[in-house]
Amino acid sequence: MRKFKKSGFIKNKSLNIVLRFTVSSLIVISFFYVAPIMINFAEKNFNNKEFTNNSKNILNNKLNKDNILEEESLVENNERDLLYDILEENNSEINLVRYTTTEIDSLFKEVDYNLKDVRVTKLVKPIDIGLLPKEIKNIENSKKRKEMFIKIVLPLIVKENNKIRIDRKRLFTILNKSSNSNIEKKWLEKKYKQYGVKKNDLSTLKIRMDEIPVSLAIAQAAKETGWGTSRFALKGNALFGQWTWSGEGLKPKNAEEGKDHKVMKFHSLQLSVRAYLRNLNTHPSYRNLRKARTELRSLKKPLDSLILSKHLDKYAETGSKYIEVLRKIIEQNNLTDFDEARLLPSSKDLESLI
C-alpha cells in the first residue's frame, strides 16, 4: 500500500508539473503574440503626433535634397504684402533731423565711438542716424568718407540683425513647445506674412528668418550708394538701390525705355536696412544664398560674407562682376571685423545678446 500510494503521489506531482509548464508556455507564447498587436494599436490611437517636435528632422530632410525647394510652399505675395509693416512706417509724419557731417562727427567723438575700438571689442554704440548728411559727398579724403559712412550704417545693420535674432530665438522656442498660446499663434501669422510663407510651413520660415552678415550688408550699401554719395541715398534714404513698382520711389535718370520701375524711397535709413534684409530673405532670386546660409548653420559655421556673396549675381545686371566688386570692398576695408559686432544695449532687454 505504501508503495502504491508513493507511486500515485509521484504520478500526480509529475502531472502537476506538466500542466504548469504547459500553462506557462501558453502564457509566454500568448504574450509575444498579443504584445505587438497591443503596441501597434496604442501607437495608432494614443500617440498624438501633434506633440512631437520634428522641426529639426524636417529641416535636415530639406537640406539633404539636391535643392531646397522652398519656393514651392510660397503664397502669392506682392511687394505690399511682404513690406506692409515697412510701408506703414514709411508714411510716418515725424520729421527727422538731417545733421551735418560736422555735427555727426562731434556726436561720435562725444560718445567715444570709433571703428578701431569696434574692431577689437565687437561692441557698437547704439547711435541712430536717420538721414545721411548731404556734405558726405564733399569729404575729399576717401578714407574719412568711408569711415563716416560705416559708422552711420553699422549700428543700423546690427540693430536689424538683432531683431531677426530675437525673432529666430522666439521661433525656436515655439517649435520646442507642445502647444502654443494665442499670442504665439498671432505672432507666427504675422511672420508668415512678412516672410511670404504659407501658414504652418515652419521649415521654410526657419530658413528665411535669419541674419545677413554685417560685412556683406555694408559692402552692398557702399556699392549701391557710392559710400553714401548717390542721389538715391541722399534724397530717398535708399542704401541698397531696391526697386519698386508700387511704392514711392525715385526714377532713375538713365532708365531704359519701357522700364517703369523706381528705386524705393524710405522715411529713414533704418527702414531701408530692414527692407534690404526682407528682400534677401524672401525674393526667389536669392534662394541659393538662403540655402548656402542654412548649410553653414547646419555645420555650425559662422555666416561667411565671401561665401554668401557668390549667390548675389542676380542683385545687379553686372552679375559676376558685381560679386567681384563686393568681395574687393569686403577685403580691402576689412569689413569682416564687424561680423561679430553687437549693439551696446540701451536697456537690460538686450544685455543677453552681447
Protein backbone atom coordinates (compact mmCIF):
# COMPACT_ATOMS: atom_id res chain seq x y z
CA MET A 1 0.00 0.00 0.00
CA ARG A 2 2.84 2.34 0.84
CA LYS A 3 4.48 1.59 -2.48
CA PHE A 4 1.20 2.17 -4.34
CA LYS A 5 0.48 5.48 -2.55
CA LYS A 6 4.00 6.66 -3.17
CA SER A 7 3.74 5.77 -6.83
CA GLY A 8 0.40 7.62 -7.15
CA PHE A 9 1.84 10.68 -5.43
CA ILE A 10 4.75 10.80 -7.86
CA LYS A 11 2.39 10.48 -10.83
CA ASN A 12 0.19 13.33 -9.55
CA LYS A 13 3.22 15.50 -8.92
CA SER A 14 4.57 14.83 -12.41
CA LEU A 15 1.17 15.63 -13.94
CA ASN A 16 1.08 18.88 -11.96
CA ILE A 17 4.48 19.90 -13.26
CA VAL A 18 3.49 19.13 -16.85
CA LEU A 19 0.28 21.15 -16.52
CA ARG A 20 2.07 24.12 -15.00
CA PHE A 21 4.74 24.02 -17.69
CA THR A 22 2.06 23.85 -20.40
CA VAL A 23 0.09 26.76 -18.96
CA SER A 24 3.27 28.84 -18.54
CA SER A 25 4.29 28.11 -22.13
CA LEU A 26 0.86 29.16 -23.40
CA ILE A 27 1.04 32.43 -21.41
CA VAL A 28 4.51 33.24 -22.76
CA ILE A 29 3.50 32.43 -26.34
CA SER A 30 0.32 34.48 -25.99
CA PHE A 31 2.25 37.44 -24.61
CA PHE A 32 4.67 37.55 -27.54
CA TYR A 33 1.79 37.21 -29.96
CA VAL A 34 -0.55 39.76 -28.38
CA ALA A 35 2.07 42.37 -27.30
CA PRO A 36 2.92 43.64 -30.82
CA ILE A 37 -0.78 43.95 -31.61
CA MET A 38 -1.38 45.99 -28.47
CA ILE A 39 1.66 48.23 -29.10
CA ASN A 40 0.58 48.85 -32.67
CA PHE A 41 -2.94 49.68 -31.50
CA ALA A 42 -1.64 52.10 -28.86
CA GLU A 43 0.63 53.88 -31.34
CA LYS A 44 -2.23 54.37 -33.76
CA ASN A 45 -4.77 55.52 -31.21
CA PHE A 46 -2.92 57.15 -28.34
CA ASN A 47 0.32 58.55 -29.75
CA ASN A 48 -0.62 62.09 -30.85
CA LYS A 49 1.95 63.34 -33.37
CA GLU A 50 0.93 66.92 -32.68
CA PHE A 51 3.00 66.83 -29.52
CA THR A 52 6.16 65.67 -31.27
CA ASN A 53 8.69 68.31 -32.32
CA ASN A 54 10.02 67.20 -35.71
CA SER A 55 11.33 70.63 -36.73
CA LYS A 56 14.99 69.55 -36.80
CA ASN A 57 14.19 66.43 -38.83
CA ILE A 58 12.10 68.43 -41.28
CA LEU A 59 14.93 70.93 -41.76
CA ASN A 60 17.53 68.17 -42.22
CA ASN A 61 15.35 66.40 -44.79
CA LYS A 62 15.03 69.67 -46.64
CA LEU A 63 18.79 70.19 -46.65
CA ASN A 64 19.54 66.66 -47.82
CA LYS A 65 17.70 67.25 -51.07
CA ASP A 66 19.67 68.46 -54.08
CA ASN A 67 17.77 71.73 -53.98
CA ILE A 68 15.84 73.45 -51.24
CA LEU A 69 12.52 73.96 -52.98
CA GLU A 70 11.25 76.50 -50.52
CA GLU A 71 9.54 78.46 -53.28
CA GLU A 72 7.00 75.66 -53.74
CA SER A 73 5.45 76.49 -50.40
CA LEU A 74 5.09 80.18 -51.02
CA VAL A 75 1.89 82.12 -51.10
CA GLU A 76 1.30 84.61 -53.88
CA ASN A 77 2.86 87.74 -52.46
CA ASN A 78 3.39 91.14 -53.89
CA GLU A 79 5.61 93.91 -52.64
CA ARG A 80 2.93 95.47 -50.45
CA ASP A 81 2.24 92.18 -48.65
CA LEU A 82 5.89 91.49 -47.83
CA LEU A 83 6.76 95.05 -46.82
CA TYR A 84 3.44 96.08 -45.29
CA ASP A 85 4.96 96.99 -41.91
CA ILE A 86 7.78 98.94 -43.55
CA LEU A 87 5.40 100.78 -45.86
CA GLU A 88 3.25 101.73 -42.86
CA GLU A 89 6.26 103.30 -41.13
CA ASN A 90 7.22 104.97 -44.40
CA ASN A 91 4.12 107.12 -44.01
CA SER A 92 5.36 108.46 -40.68
CA GLU A 93 4.70 112.15 -40.18
CA ILE A 94 7.68 112.55 -37.87
CA ASN A 95 10.25 114.84 -39.44
CA LEU A 96 13.78 113.57 -38.98
CA VAL A 97 16.65 115.99 -38.47
CA ARG A 98 19.40 115.91 -41.08
CA TYR A 99 22.65 116.59 -39.26
CA THR A 100 25.78 117.88 -40.94
CA THR A 101 28.96 115.83 -41.12
CA THR A 102 30.49 118.17 -38.53
CA GLU A 103 27.62 117.63 -36.10
CA ILE A 104 27.70 113.86 -36.59
CA ASP A 105 31.45 113.75 -36.15
CA SER A 106 31.14 115.74 -32.91
CA LEU A 107 28.49 113.32 -31.66
CA PHE A 108 30.72 110.33 -32.41
CA LYS A 109 33.60 111.93 -30.51
CA GLU A 110 31.37 112.83 -27.59
CA VAL A 111 30.27 109.21 -27.09
CA ASP A 112 33.72 107.88 -27.95
CA TYR A 113 32.50 105.91 -30.97
CA ASN A 114 35.33 104.85 -33.27
CA LEU A 115 35.79 101.90 -35.59
CA LYS A 116 39.20 100.96 -34.21
CA ASP A 117 37.63 100.07 -30.86
CA VAL A 118 34.71 98.28 -32.51
CA ARG A 119 37.09 96.02 -34.44
CA VAL A 120 38.66 94.94 -31.14
CA THR A 121 35.74 94.90 -28.68
CA LYS A 122 33.00 93.97 -31.20
CA LEU A 123 30.71 96.43 -29.41
CA VAL A 124 28.82 99.17 -31.27
CA LYS A 125 27.35 102.33 -29.80
CA PRO A 126 23.54 102.40 -30.25
CA ILE A 127 23.51 105.57 -32.34
CA ASP A 128 20.58 106.02 -34.73
CA ILE A 129 21.28 108.47 -37.55
CA GLY A 130 18.09 108.73 -39.58
CA LEU A 131 19.41 110.58 -42.62
CA LEU A 132 22.76 110.79 -44.37
CA PRO A 133 24.47 114.20 -44.20
CA LYS A 134 24.46 115.96 -47.56
CA GLU A 135 28.05 117.06 -47.01
CA ILE A 136 29.31 113.48 -47.05
CA LYS A 137 29.94 113.76 -50.77
CA ASN A 138 32.17 116.77 -50.10
CA ILE A 139 34.59 114.79 -47.94
CA GLU A 140 37.55 114.59 -50.28
CA ASN A 141 39.54 112.13 -48.21
CA SER A 142 38.11 108.75 -49.27
CA LYS A 143 39.26 107.06 -46.06
CA LYS A 144 37.39 109.59 -43.91
CA ARG A 145 34.31 109.41 -46.12
CA LYS A 146 34.25 105.61 -45.89
CA GLU A 147 34.73 105.74 -42.13
CA MET A 148 31.87 108.22 -41.71
CA PHE A 149 29.60 106.04 -43.85
CA ILE A 150 30.44 102.82 -41.99
CA LYS A 151 29.93 104.46 -38.59
CA ILE A 152 26.46 105.62 -39.66
CA VAL A 153 25.17 102.37 -41.19
CA LEU A 154 26.88 99.88 -38.85
CA PRO A 155 24.55 100.40 -35.83
CA LEU A 156 21.51 100.27 -38.13
CA ILE A 157 22.52 96.92 -39.65
CA VAL A 158 23.43 95.39 -36.28
CA LYS A 159 20.12 96.61 -34.84
CA GLU A 160 18.05 94.95 -37.58
CA ASN A 161 20.04 91.73 -37.30
CA ASN A 162 19.37 91.82 -33.55
CA LYS A 163 15.64 91.96 -34.22
CA ILE A 164 15.88 88.94 -36.51
CA ARG A 165 17.98 87.09 -33.93
CA ILE A 166 15.35 87.72 -31.26
CA ASP A 167 12.59 86.57 -33.64
CA ARG A 168 14.57 83.47 -34.55
CA LYS A 169 15.10 82.63 -30.90
CA ARG A 170 11.37 83.01 -30.27
CA LEU A 171 10.59 80.80 -33.26
CA PHE A 172 12.84 78.04 -31.91
CA THR A 173 11.16 78.35 -28.50
CA ILE A 174 7.76 77.92 -30.15
CA LEU A 175 9.00 74.90 -32.11
CA ASN A 176 10.09 73.19 -28.90
CA LYS A 177 6.73 73.60 -27.17
CA SER A 178 3.94 71.04 -27.26
CA SER A 179 1.29 73.72 -27.63
CA ASN A 180 1.24 77.44 -28.25
CA SER A 181 -0.66 80.36 -26.80
CA ASN A 182 -2.93 82.60 -28.87
CA ILE A 183 -0.30 85.36 -28.70
CA GLU A 184 2.30 83.00 -30.16
CA LYS A 185 -0.08 81.90 -32.91
CA LYS A 186 -0.80 85.52 -33.85
CA TRP A 187 2.93 86.26 -33.86
CA LEU A 188 3.51 83.32 -36.21
CA GLU A 189 0.76 84.54 -38.56
CA LYS A 190 2.49 87.92 -38.72
CA LYS A 191 5.85 86.30 -39.53
CA TYR A 192 4.33 84.05 -42.21
CA LYS A 193 3.12 87.19 -43.91
CA GLN A 194 6.37 89.11 -43.56
CA TYR A 195 8.43 86.26 -44.95
CA GLY A 196 5.98 85.23 -47.67
CA VAL A 197 5.48 81.72 -46.29
CA LYS A 198 2.39 79.52 -46.23
CA LYS A 199 0.73 79.09 -42.87
CA ASN A 200 2.30 76.32 -40.75
CA ASP A 201 5.32 75.93 -43.06
CA LEU A 202 7.77 76.27 -40.18
CA SER A 203 10.73 74.71 -42.00
CA THR A 204 10.71 77.41 -44.71
CA LEU A 205 10.18 80.09 -42.08
CA LYS A 206 13.31 78.86 -40.26
CA ILE A 207 15.31 79.09 -43.49
CA ARG A 208 14.14 82.62 -44.25
CA MET A 209 14.14 84.14 -40.77
CA ASP A 210 17.88 84.62 -40.41
CA GLU A 211 20.59 87.27 -40.42
CA ILE A 212 22.79 88.66 -43.19
CA PRO A 213 26.49 89.13 -42.34
CA VAL A 214 27.22 92.74 -41.38
CA SER A 215 30.20 92.89 -43.73
CA LEU A 216 28.05 91.87 -46.70
CA ALA A 217 25.38 94.47 -45.88
CA ILE A 218 27.96 97.26 -45.52
CA ALA A 219 29.62 96.25 -48.79
CA GLN A 220 26.32 96.30 -50.69
CA ALA A 221 25.33 99.64 -49.17
CA ALA A 222 28.73 101.07 -50.12
CA LYS A 223 28.47 99.75 -53.68
CA GLU A 224 24.87 100.85 -54.24
CA THR A 225 25.35 104.38 -52.86
CA GLY A 226 28.97 105.16 -53.73
CA TRP A 227 29.75 105.27 -50.00
CA GLY A 228 26.70 107.41 -49.29
CA THR A 229 27.02 109.94 -52.11
CA SER A 230 24.30 108.80 -54.56
CA ARG A 231 21.12 110.76 -55.29
CA PHE A 232 19.01 107.77 -54.18
CA ALA A 233 20.77 107.66 -50.81
CA LEU A 234 20.64 111.39 -50.10
CA LYS A 235 17.11 112.05 -51.41
CA GLY A 236 15.41 108.74 -50.73
CA ASN A 237 17.43 107.12 -47.91
CA ALA A 238 17.87 104.18 -50.28
CA LEU A 239 21.03 102.40 -49.15
CA PHE A 240 20.61 99.30 -51.32
CA GLY A 241 19.03 100.51 -54.55
CA GLN A 242 15.92 98.40 -54.01
CA TRP A 243 13.46 98.59 -56.89
CA THR A 244 9.74 99.16 -56.57
CA TRP A 245 6.79 99.01 -58.94
CA SER A 246 4.11 100.05 -56.49
CA GLY A 247 5.72 102.03 -53.68
CA GLU A 248 7.00 105.56 -53.56
CA GLY A 249 10.36 105.92 -55.25
CA LEU A 250 12.83 107.88 -57.35
CA LYS A 251 13.01 107.37 -61.10
CA PRO A 252 16.50 106.52 -62.39
CA LYS A 253 17.74 109.24 -64.75
CA ASN A 254 19.15 106.80 -67.31
CA ALA A 255 16.33 104.26 -67.13
CA GLU A 256 15.78 102.28 -70.32
CA GLU A 257 12.63 102.94 -72.29
CA GLY A 258 9.79 100.65 -71.25
CA LYS A 259 11.13 100.07 -67.75
CA ASP A 260 8.77 101.70 -65.26
CA HIS A 261 10.49 100.69 -62.01
CA LYS A 262 11.69 103.17 -59.42
CA VAL A 263 14.23 103.00 -56.63
CA MET A 264 12.25 102.67 -53.41
CA LYS A 265 12.23 105.70 -51.16
CA PHE A 266 12.31 105.36 -47.38
CA HIS A 267 11.42 107.58 -44.46
CA SER A 268 14.70 106.70 -42.74
CA LEU A 269 17.93 104.79 -43.27
CA GLN A 270 16.74 102.23 -40.71
CA LEU A 271 13.74 101.26 -42.84
CA SER A 272 15.99 100.89 -45.86
CA VAL A 273 18.12 98.35 -43.97
CA ARG A 274 15.02 96.46 -42.83
CA ALA A 275 13.65 96.28 -46.37
CA TYR A 276 17.02 95.06 -47.66
CA LEU A 277 17.11 92.17 -45.18
CA ARG A 278 13.50 91.31 -46.01
CA ASN A 279 14.38 91.34 -49.71
CA LEU A 280 17.30 88.90 -49.38
CA ASN A 281 15.24 86.69 -47.08
CA THR A 282 12.21 86.39 -49.36
CA HIS A 283 12.96 87.06 -53.04
CA PRO A 284 13.24 83.96 -55.27
CA SER A 285 16.44 85.37 -56.83
CA TYR A 286 18.31 84.84 -53.55
CA ARG A 287 17.11 81.33 -52.82
CA ASN A 288 20.63 79.92 -53.27
CA LEU A 289 22.01 82.45 -50.81
CA ARG A 290 19.49 81.26 -48.22
CA LYS A 291 20.35 77.63 -48.98
CA ALA A 292 24.09 78.31 -48.51
CA ARG A 293 23.35 80.18 -45.27
CA THR A 294 21.27 77.29 -43.93
CA GLU A 295 24.02 74.82 -44.79
CA LEU A 296 26.53 76.94 -42.84
CA ARG A 297 24.12 76.92 -39.90
CA SER A 298 23.73 73.14 -40.05
CA LEU A 299 27.52 72.76 -39.98
CA LYS A 300 27.67 75.18 -37.04
CA LYS A 301 29.91 77.54 -39.02
CA PRO A 302 29.74 81.36 -38.92
CA LEU A 303 27.93 83.15 -41.72
CA ASP A 304 30.68 83.92 -44.23
CA SER A 305 30.03 87.00 -46.37
CA LEU A 306 32.52 85.88 -49.03
CA ILE A 307 30.69 82.56 -49.44
CA LEU A 308 27.22 84.10 -49.44
CA SER A 309 28.19 86.90 -51.84
CA LYS A 310 28.67 84.26 -54.57
CA HIS A 311 24.90 83.97 -54.74
CA LEU A 312 24.20 87.66 -55.38
CA ASP A 313 24.83 87.60 -59.12
CA LYS A 314 21.17 88.43 -59.71
CA TYR A 315 21.24 91.51 -57.47
CA ALA A 316 22.67 93.66 -60.27
CA GLU A 317 22.72 93.45 -64.04
CA THR A 318 26.52 93.11 -64.00
CA GLY A 319 26.19 89.62 -62.50
CA SER A 320 29.53 88.03 -61.65
CA LYS A 321 31.34 91.39 -61.88
CA TYR A 322 29.06 92.67 -59.12
CA ILE A 323 30.22 89.80 -56.89
CA GLU A 324 33.86 90.64 -57.60
CA VAL A 325 33.27 94.26 -56.57
CA LEU A 326 31.61 93.18 -53.32
CA ARG A 327 34.48 90.86 -52.47
CA LYS A 328 37.02 93.65 -53.05
CA ILE A 329 35.06 96.07 -50.86
CA ILE A 330 34.87 93.49 -48.06
CA GLU A 331 38.53 92.52 -48.23
CA GLN A 332 40.10 95.94 -48.84
CA ASN A 333 38.17 97.52 -45.97
CA ASN A 334 38.44 94.56 -43.57
CA LEU A 335 34.68 94.56 -43.14
CA THR A 336 34.58 91.04 -41.71
CA ASP A 337 35.91 92.60 -38.49
CA PHE A 338 32.33 93.76 -37.91
CA ASP A 339 30.58 90.42 -38.44
CA GLU A 340 30.60 89.58 -34.74
CA ALA A 341 29.69 93.11 -33.66
CA ARG A 342 26.91 93.52 -31.11
CA LEU A 343 24.97 96.64 -30.26
CA LEU A 344 25.60 98.02 -26.81
CA PRO A 345 22.23 97.73 -25.01
CA SER A 346 20.25 100.83 -24.32
CA SER A 347 18.16 98.72 -21.92
CA LYS A 348 18.53 95.48 -19.96
CA ASP A 349 16.42 93.67 -22.55
CA LEU A 350 19.39 93.46 -24.91
CA GLU A 351 22.13 92.62 -22.42
CA SER A 352 21.78 88.90 -23.05
CA LEU A 353 22.63 89.36 -26.70
CA ILE A 354 26.17 90.55 -26.01
